[in-house]
Amino acid sequence: MTLVESITNDLRELPNSKLVEVARMVRELVPEASRRQREALGKSFGCLDDETARVFEDALAESRHISDS
């Protein structure tokens, strides 16, 4: 079994809240991922009207609340 396969198997046993933590750590370790994330944010910033943005933010907050449970 390769190292990546071993890590992947371990990840399958983690709850979603821990997977979110792992994903954040991995993104910090991979500079290209951070660059892509900043680039996507820059391209999408300001593309929603105020009401749509509020609904999106509410849905995002609710999804985070569910993930943390």
N, C-alpha and C. Protein backbone atom coordinates (compact mmCIF):
# COMPACT_ATOMS: atom_id res chain seq x y z
N MET A 1 0.85 -1.17 0.00
CA MET A 1 0.00 0.00 0.00
C MET A 1 0.90 1.24 0.00
N THR A 2 0.56 2.20 -0.85
CA THR A 2 1.35 3.43 -0.91
C THR A 2 0.98 4.35 0.25
N LEU A 3 1.79 5.36 0.46
CA LEU A 3 1.53 6.33 1.51
C LEU A 3 0.20 7.06 1.27
N VAL A 4 -0.05 7.44 0.04
CA VAL A 4 -1.30 8.13 -0.30
C VAL A 4 -2.50 7.23 -0.03
N GLU A 5 -2.41 5.96 -0.37
CA GLU A 5 -3.51 5.02 -0.11
C GLU A 5 -3.74 4.86 1.39
N SER A 6 -2.66 4.79 2.14
CA SER A 6 -2.77 4.66 3.58
C SER A 6 -3.45 5.89 4.19
N ILE A 7 -3.04 7.06 3.76
CA ILE A 7 -3.66 8.31 4.25
C ILE A 7 -5.13 8.36 3.86
N THR A 8 -5.43 8.00 2.63
CA THR A 8 -6.81 8.00 2.15
C THR A 8 -7.68 7.07 2.99
N ASN A 9 -7.18 5.90 3.30
CA ASN A 9 -7.93 4.96 4.14
C ASN A 9 -8.20 5.55 5.52
N ASP A 10 -7.19 6.21 6.09
CA ASP A 10 -7.39 6.85 7.40
C ASP A 10 -8.43 7.96 7.31
N LEU A 11 -8.40 8.74 6.24
CA LEU A 11 -9.36 9.83 6.08
C LEU A 11 -10.80 9.34 6.02
N ARG A 12 -11.00 8.18 5.45
CA ARG A 12 -12.36 7.62 5.33
C ARG A 12 -13.00 7.37 6.70
N GLU A 13 -12.19 7.23 7.72
CA GLU A 13 -12.71 6.95 9.06
C GLU A 13 -13.00 8.21 9.87
N LEU A 14 -12.62 9.37 9.35
CA LEU A 14 -12.82 10.62 10.09
C LEU A 14 -14.23 11.18 9.89
N PRO A 15 -14.78 11.83 10.91
CA PRO A 15 -16.06 12.51 10.74
C PRO A 15 -15.87 13.77 9.87
N ASN A 16 -16.94 14.28 9.32
CA ASN A 16 -16.87 15.44 8.42
C ASN A 16 -16.18 16.64 9.05
N SER A 17 -16.43 16.89 10.32
CA SER A 17 -15.81 18.06 10.96
C SER A 17 -14.28 17.96 10.95
N LYS A 18 -13.77 16.76 11.13
CA LYS A 18 -12.31 16.56 11.08
C LYS A 18 -11.79 16.65 9.66
N LEU A 19 -12.59 16.18 8.69
CA LEU A 19 -12.18 16.28 7.29
C LEU A 19 -12.04 17.74 6.86
N VAL A 20 -12.91 18.59 7.37
CA VAL A 20 -12.82 20.02 7.08
C VAL A 20 -11.50 20.57 7.62
N GLU A 21 -11.12 20.18 8.82
CA GLU A 21 -9.84 20.61 9.39
C GLU A 21 -8.67 20.14 8.53
N VAL A 22 -8.72 18.89 8.12
CA VAL A 22 -7.65 18.33 7.28
C VAL A 22 -7.56 19.09 5.96
N ALA A 23 -8.71 19.36 5.35
CA ALA A 23 -8.72 20.08 4.07
C ALA A 23 -8.08 21.45 4.22
N ARG A 24 -8.38 22.14 5.31
CA ARG A 24 -7.78 23.46 5.54
C ARG A 24 -6.27 23.36 5.70
N MET A 25 -5.81 22.36 6.43
CA MET A 25 -4.37 22.18 6.62
C MET A 25 -3.68 21.88 5.30
N VAL A 26 -4.28 21.03 4.51
CA VAL A 26 -3.68 20.66 3.22
C VAL A 26 -3.59 21.88 2.32
N ARG A 27 -4.65 22.68 2.28
CA ARG A 27 -4.64 23.89 1.44
C ARG A 27 -3.53 24.84 1.87
N GLU A 28 -3.28 24.94 3.17
CA GLU A 28 -2.20 25.80 3.65
C GLU A 28 -0.83 25.28 3.23
N LEU A 29 -0.71 23.97 3.11
CA LEU A 29 0.57 23.36 2.75
C LEU A 29 0.84 23.39 1.26
N VAL A 30 -0.21 23.58 0.46
CA VAL A 30 -0.05 23.56 -1.00
C VAL A 30 -0.26 24.98 -1.53
N PRO A 31 0.85 25.69 -1.80
CA PRO A 31 0.73 27.09 -2.25
C PRO A 31 -0.15 27.26 -3.48
N GLU A 32 -0.10 26.34 -4.39
CA GLU A 32 -0.90 26.44 -5.62
C GLU A 32 -2.39 26.43 -5.30
N ALA A 33 -2.81 25.63 -4.34
CA ALA A 33 -4.22 25.58 -3.96
C ALA A 33 -4.66 26.93 -3.40
N SER A 34 -3.83 27.54 -2.56
CA SER A 34 -4.16 28.85 -2.01
C SER A 34 -4.26 29.90 -3.11
N ARG A 35 -3.36 29.83 -4.07
CA ARG A 35 -3.38 30.79 -5.18
C ARG A 35 -4.66 30.64 -5.99
N ARG A 36 -5.04 29.38 -6.29
CA ARG A 36 -6.27 29.13 -7.05
C ARG A 36 -7.49 29.62 -6.29
N GLN A 37 -7.49 29.42 -4.98
CA GLN A 37 -8.62 29.86 -4.16
C GLN A 37 -8.73 31.38 -4.18
N ARG A 38 -7.61 32.08 -4.01
CA ARG A 38 -7.63 33.55 -4.07
C ARG A 38 -8.06 34.04 -5.44
N GLU A 39 -7.59 33.38 -6.49
CA GLU A 39 -7.95 33.77 -7.85
C GLU A 39 -9.44 33.60 -8.09
N ALA A 40 -10.01 32.50 -7.63
CA ALA A 40 -11.45 32.26 -7.80
C ALA A 40 -12.26 33.30 -7.03
N LEU A 41 -11.82 33.62 -5.83
CA LEU A 41 -12.51 34.65 -5.05
C LEU A 41 -12.45 35.99 -5.77
N GLY A 42 -11.29 36.33 -6.30
CA GLY A 42 -11.14 37.60 -7.02
C GLY A 42 -12.05 37.68 -8.24
N LYS A 43 -12.20 36.57 -8.94
CA LYS A 43 -13.05 36.55 -10.12
C LYS A 43 -14.54 36.63 -9.78
N SER A 44 -14.91 36.09 -8.62
CA SER A 44 -16.33 36.04 -8.29
C SER A 44 -16.78 37.18 -7.39
N PHE A 45 -15.86 37.93 -6.82
CA PHE A 45 -16.22 39.00 -5.89
C PHE A 45 -17.14 40.02 -6.57
N GLY A 46 -18.24 40.32 -5.93
CA GLY A 46 -19.16 41.33 -6.44
C GLY A 46 -20.10 40.86 -7.52
N CYS A 47 -20.15 39.56 -7.79
CA CYS A 47 -21.00 39.08 -8.88
C CYS A 47 -22.44 38.83 -8.44
N LEU A 48 -22.72 38.89 -7.14
CA LEU A 48 -24.08 38.66 -6.64
C LEU A 48 -24.70 39.97 -6.18
N ASP A 49 -26.00 40.11 -6.41
CA ASP A 49 -26.69 41.27 -5.85
C ASP A 49 -26.81 41.07 -4.34
N ASP A 50 -27.18 42.12 -3.61
CA ASP A 50 -27.19 42.07 -2.15
C ASP A 50 -28.09 40.97 -1.60
N GLU A 51 -29.28 40.84 -2.13
CA GLU A 51 -30.23 39.83 -1.62
C GLU A 51 -29.71 38.41 -1.87
N THR A 52 -29.21 38.15 -3.07
CA THR A 52 -28.69 36.82 -3.39
C THR A 52 -27.47 36.51 -2.53
N ALA A 53 -26.62 37.50 -2.30
CA ALA A 53 -25.45 37.31 -1.45
C ALA A 53 -25.87 36.98 -0.02
N ARG A 54 -26.91 37.65 0.50
CA ARG A 54 -27.38 37.38 1.85
C ARG A 54 -27.89 35.94 1.96
N VAL A 55 -28.67 35.51 0.97
CA VAL A 55 -29.20 34.14 0.97
C VAL A 55 -28.05 33.13 0.91
N PHE A 56 -27.06 33.41 0.08
CA PHE A 56 -25.90 32.52 -0.03
C PHE A 56 -25.14 32.45 1.29
N GLU A 57 -24.91 33.60 1.92
CA GLU A 57 -24.20 33.62 3.20
C GLU A 57 -24.96 32.85 4.27
N ASP A 58 -26.29 33.01 4.29
CA ASP A 58 -27.11 32.27 5.26
C ASP A 58 -26.99 30.76 5.04
N ALA A 59 -27.05 30.35 3.78
CA ALA A 59 -26.94 28.92 3.46
C ALA A 59 -25.56 28.39 3.84
N LEU A 60 -24.54 29.16 3.59
CA LEU A 60 -23.18 28.75 3.93
C LEU A 60 -23.02 28.62 5.44
N ALA A 61 -23.54 29.59 6.18
CA ALA A 61 -23.47 29.53 7.65
C ALA A 61 -24.21 28.30 8.17
N GLU A 62 -25.36 28.00 7.59
CA GLU A 62 -26.13 26.83 8.01
C GLU A 62 -25.37 25.54 7.69
N SER A 63 -24.72 25.48 6.53
CA SER A 63 -23.97 24.28 6.19
C SER A 63 -22.79 24.08 7.12
N ARG A 64 -22.17 25.17 7.54
CA ARG A 64 -21.05 25.07 8.49
C ARG A 64 -21.56 24.58 9.84
N HIS A 65 -22.73 25.08 10.23
CA HIS A 65 -23.33 24.66 11.50
C HIS A 65 -23.62 23.15 11.47
N ILE A 66 -24.14 22.66 10.36
CA ILE A 66 -24.44 21.24 10.21
C ILE A 66 -23.15 20.42 10.22
N SER A 67 -22.11 20.91 9.54
CA SER A 67 -20.83 20.19 9.49
C SER A 67 -20.18 20.08 10.84
N ASP A 68 -20.36 21.10 11.68
CA ASP A 68 -19.74 21.10 13.00
C ASP A 68 -20.48 20.22 13.99
N SER A 69 -21.69 19.81 13.64
CA SER A 69 -22.49 19.00 14.56
C SER A 69 -22.01 17.57 14.62
